[in-house]
Amino acid sequence: MGEYYVGEGAALMGTVGAQYQAPILLDKSISIEGFGGDVMINNPTGSTVFRVAAGDATTPVTIGSIALDGLKINGGEHGFVVDGSSTTATNPLTINAISITNTAFAGQQVSGITLGLNAHQTSNVLDLRIEDVSVNISAAGGKAISLFGFDGKAVIDDVSITSGGTSAAPVARGLEIQGSGSTYITADAWTQNPG
């Protein structure tokens, strides 16, 4: 499979029934549409399938929005990771919006979705939407959704979490949220939508 180059804010639509190989680096606004789960992204190598990164940390980086919809993401250590490790306090990574909808993560060994923004308190995702998503972690002790350094607004709805690990050591954490100050969000911080 060749490389695809798309401009800022572009949409990439996969061919129905097609399979693509990962890893895929995202460093600009993009929308990836999979037509209801008929497009598979396969990663047999054990690395991260989708990795969002800021670059070399010499300037602040802002990404408008990243949207994944209707995909089947198979294998790898991680399904989707925002990697804030190359940021600094004066040169943070800010993502205005991430939307992951109608997508299935299967066979990841470590995590399905991870925001790794805890390296510096100035990096953040402002608006996060995870809806109609399934996560099946293949290795015992994996994490389905981990949000580190997250201080934005989140909608997490209709998420199914299962484990392919042994019953003696299932998924370690279904949903883990830690704010930018290394404090975990407690139960009294949650509000429930009655709808």
Protein backbone atom coordinates (compact mmCIF):
# COMPACT_ATOMS: atom_id res chain seq x y z
CA MET A 1 0.00 0.00 0.00
CA GLY A 2 1.40 3.42 -0.91
CA GLU A 3 1.49 6.57 1.17
CA TYR A 4 -1.40 9.02 1.16
CA TYR A 5 -0.87 12.76 1.48
CA VAL A 6 -3.83 14.93 2.36
CA GLY A 7 -4.05 18.63 3.05
CA GLU A 8 -5.09 20.34 6.28
CA GLY A 9 -8.73 19.62 7.08
CA ALA A 10 -9.11 17.09 4.25
CA ALA A 11 -11.29 14.01 4.34
CA LEU A 12 -9.99 10.57 3.45
CA MET A 13 -12.62 8.01 2.50
CA GLY A 14 -11.70 4.37 2.35
CA THR A 15 -13.03 2.00 -0.27
CA VAL A 16 -15.85 -0.23 0.98
CA GLY A 17 -14.47 -3.66 1.85
CA ALA A 18 -10.86 -2.44 1.59
CA GLN A 19 -8.09 -3.23 4.06
CA TYR A 20 -5.23 -0.83 4.82
CA GLN A 21 -1.99 -1.42 6.70
CA ALA A 22 -0.88 0.65 9.69
CA PRO A 23 0.87 2.44 11.39
CA ILE A 24 -0.64 5.79 10.41
CA LEU A 25 0.75 9.12 11.68
CA LEU A 26 -1.72 12.01 12.02
CA ASP A 27 -0.32 15.51 12.51
CA LYS A 28 -2.99 17.66 10.81
CA SER A 29 -6.77 18.01 10.84
CA ILE A 30 -8.36 15.07 9.04
CA SER A 31 -11.58 13.11 8.79
CA ILE A 32 -11.34 9.39 7.99
CA GLU A 33 -14.66 7.81 6.96
CA GLY A 34 -15.01 4.04 6.82
CA PHE A 35 -18.59 3.64 5.57
CA GLY A 36 -20.12 1.84 8.57
CA GLY A 37 -17.26 -0.45 9.52
CA ASP A 38 -16.56 -1.89 6.09
CA VAL A 39 -13.03 -0.46 6.01
CA MET A 40 -10.34 -2.24 8.05
CA ILE A 41 -7.03 -0.85 9.25
CA ASN A 42 -4.73 -3.78 10.08
CA ASN A 43 -1.57 -3.61 12.14
CA PRO A 44 0.19 -6.94 12.51
CA THR A 45 3.51 -5.37 13.55
CA GLY A 46 2.69 -4.62 17.18
CA SER A 47 3.05 -0.83 17.02
CA THR A 48 0.39 1.90 17.30
CA VAL A 49 -2.27 1.91 14.56
CA PHE A 50 -3.15 5.65 14.65
CA ARG A 51 -0.61 7.96 16.31
CA VAL A 52 -1.20 11.69 16.68
CA ALA A 53 2.03 13.56 17.35
CA ALA A 54 3.13 17.18 17.61
CA GLY A 55 6.44 16.99 15.82
CA ASP A 56 9.70 18.36 17.20
CA ALA A 57 8.33 20.60 20.01
CA THR A 58 10.06 23.75 18.75
CA THR A 59 6.76 25.64 18.39
CA PRO A 60 3.25 25.26 19.82
CA VAL A 61 1.13 22.96 17.64
CA THR A 62 -2.64 23.25 17.22
CA ILE A 63 -4.60 20.64 15.28
CA GLY A 64 -8.16 21.62 14.39
CA SER A 65 -9.99 18.29 14.45
CA ILE A 66 -9.45 14.58 13.97
CA ALA A 67 -12.44 12.38 13.15
CA LEU A 68 -12.54 8.60 12.73
CA ASP A 69 -15.89 7.10 11.75
CA GLY A 70 -16.99 3.63 10.70
CA LEU A 71 -13.64 1.84 10.92
CA LYS A 72 -12.47 -1.58 12.08
CA ILE A 73 -9.05 -1.18 13.66
CA ASN A 74 -7.29 -4.52 14.14
CA GLY A 75 -4.15 -5.45 16.06
CA GLY A 76 -1.15 -3.53 17.26
CA GLU A 77 -0.16 -2.49 20.75
CA HIS A 78 -2.40 0.60 20.73
CA GLY A 79 -5.36 1.47 18.51
CA PHE A 80 -5.36 5.29 18.73
CA VAL A 81 -2.81 7.35 20.67
CA VAL A 82 -2.31 11.07 21.08
CA ASP A 83 1.42 11.22 21.88
CA GLY A 84 2.32 14.35 23.81
CA SER A 85 5.80 13.14 24.76
CA SER A 86 7.59 15.50 22.36
CA THR A 87 5.83 18.62 23.70
CA THR A 88 7.19 21.13 26.18
CA ALA A 89 5.46 23.48 28.62
CA THR A 90 6.06 26.42 26.27
CA ASN A 91 5.39 24.46 23.08
CA PRO A 92 2.27 22.38 23.81
CA LEU A 93 0.03 20.28 21.60
CA THR A 94 -3.58 21.43 21.47
CA ILE A 95 -6.25 19.52 19.58
CA ASN A 96 -9.55 21.35 19.29
CA ALA A 97 -11.66 18.22 18.72
CA ILE A 98 -11.32 14.45 18.45
CA SER A 99 -14.32 12.39 17.37
CA ILE A 100 -14.21 8.58 17.28
CA THR A 101 -17.59 7.17 16.30
CA ASN A 102 -19.06 3.92 14.93
CA THR A 103 -15.64 2.28 15.22
CA ALA A 104 -14.46 -1.12 16.46
CA PHE A 105 -11.03 -1.64 18.04
CA ALA A 106 -10.03 -5.32 18.21
CA GLY A 107 -6.91 -7.20 19.22
CA GLN A 108 -4.86 -4.35 20.68
CA GLN A 109 -2.41 -5.60 23.30
CA VAL A 110 -2.05 -2.48 25.51
CA SER A 111 -4.86 0.01 24.83
CA GLY A 112 -7.70 0.88 22.49
CA ILE A 113 -7.71 4.68 22.88
CA THR A 114 -5.07 6.67 24.81
CA LEU A 115 -4.56 10.40 25.21
CA GLY A 116 -1.00 10.76 26.50
CA LEU A 117 -0.90 14.45 27.31
CA ASN A 118 0.38 14.22 30.87
CA ALA A 119 3.99 15.16 30.01
CA HIS A 120 3.13 18.88 30.24
CA GLN A 121 0.08 20.51 31.77
CA THR A 122 -0.28 22.94 28.86
CA SER A 123 -1.17 20.28 26.24
CA ASN A 124 -4.82 19.31 25.88
CA VAL A 125 -7.72 18.04 23.79
CA LEU A 126 -10.55 20.57 24.14
CA ASP A 127 -13.49 18.46 22.93
CA LEU A 128 -13.53 14.63 22.89
CA ARG A 129 -16.38 12.50 21.54
CA ILE A 130 -16.29 8.68 21.73
CA GLU A 131 -19.63 7.20 20.66
CA ASP A 132 -20.82 3.82 19.41
CA VAL A 133 -17.37 2.31 19.88
CA SER A 134 -16.32 -1.20 20.86
CA VAL A 135 -12.92 -2.05 22.33
CA ASN A 136 -11.68 -5.64 22.63
CA ILE A 137 -8.24 -5.84 24.24
CA SER A 138 -6.35 -9.02 23.30
CA ALA A 139 -3.89 -9.21 26.18
CA ALA A 140 -4.73 -9.54 29.85
CA GLY A 141 -4.15 -6.35 31.82
CA GLY A 142 -4.73 -3.97 28.89
CA LYS A 143 -6.61 -0.69 29.10
CA ALA A 144 -9.61 0.15 26.92
CA ILE A 145 -9.72 3.97 27.17
CA SER A 146 -7.07 6.02 29.02
CA LEU A 147 -7.15 9.81 29.10
CA PHE A 148 -3.99 11.23 30.73
CA GLY A 149 -3.55 14.99 31.11
CA PHE A 150 -7.12 15.54 29.93
CA ASP A 151 -8.92 18.71 31.04
CA GLY A 152 -11.35 19.17 28.16
CA LYS A 153 -15.01 18.37 27.58
CA ALA A 154 -15.88 14.73 26.86
CA VAL A 155 -18.89 12.79 25.63
CA ILE A 156 -18.40 9.04 26.02
CA ASP A 157 -21.54 7.14 25.07
CA ASP A 158 -22.48 3.62 23.95
CA VAL A 159 -19.04 2.09 24.45
CA SER A 160 -18.61 -1.70 24.74
CA ILE A 161 -15.45 -3.00 26.43
CA THR A 162 -14.44 -6.67 26.31
CA SER A 163 -11.27 -8.64 26.83
CA GLY A 164 -9.65 -11.39 24.86
CA GLY A 165 -7.35 -11.99 27.86
CA THR A 166 -7.82 -14.85 30.27
CA SER A 167 -10.62 -14.65 32.82
CA ALA A 168 -7.99 -14.62 35.58
CA ALA A 169 -6.52 -11.35 34.26
CA PRO A 170 -9.07 -9.37 32.20
CA VAL A 171 -8.87 -5.75 31.06
CA ALA A 172 -7.09 -3.81 33.83
CA ARG A 173 -9.02 -0.59 33.31
CA GLY A 174 -12.09 0.04 31.20
CA LEU A 175 -12.04 3.85 31.48
CA GLU A 176 -9.23 5.78 33.14
CA ILE A 177 -9.20 9.60 33.31
CA GLN A 178 -6.44 11.71 34.82
CA GLY A 179 -6.39 15.51 34.71
CA SER A 180 -3.31 17.57 33.90
CA GLY A 181 -2.25 17.76 37.55
CA SER A 182 -1.83 13.94 37.91
CA THR A 183 -5.06 13.69 39.91
CA TYR A 184 -7.53 11.02 38.88
CA ILE A 185 -11.13 12.12 38.39
CA THR A 186 -13.33 10.83 41.19
CA ALA A 187 -16.88 9.52 41.00
CA ASP A 188 -18.37 12.76 42.37
CA ALA A 189 -16.92 14.67 39.39
CA TRP A 190 -19.20 12.82 36.95
CA THR A 191 -22.51 14.09 35.70
CA GLN A 192 -24.91 11.76 34.02
CA ASN A 193 -27.02 12.69 31.05
CA PRO A 194 -30.56 11.55 31.92
CA GLY A 195 -31.41 11.24 28.21
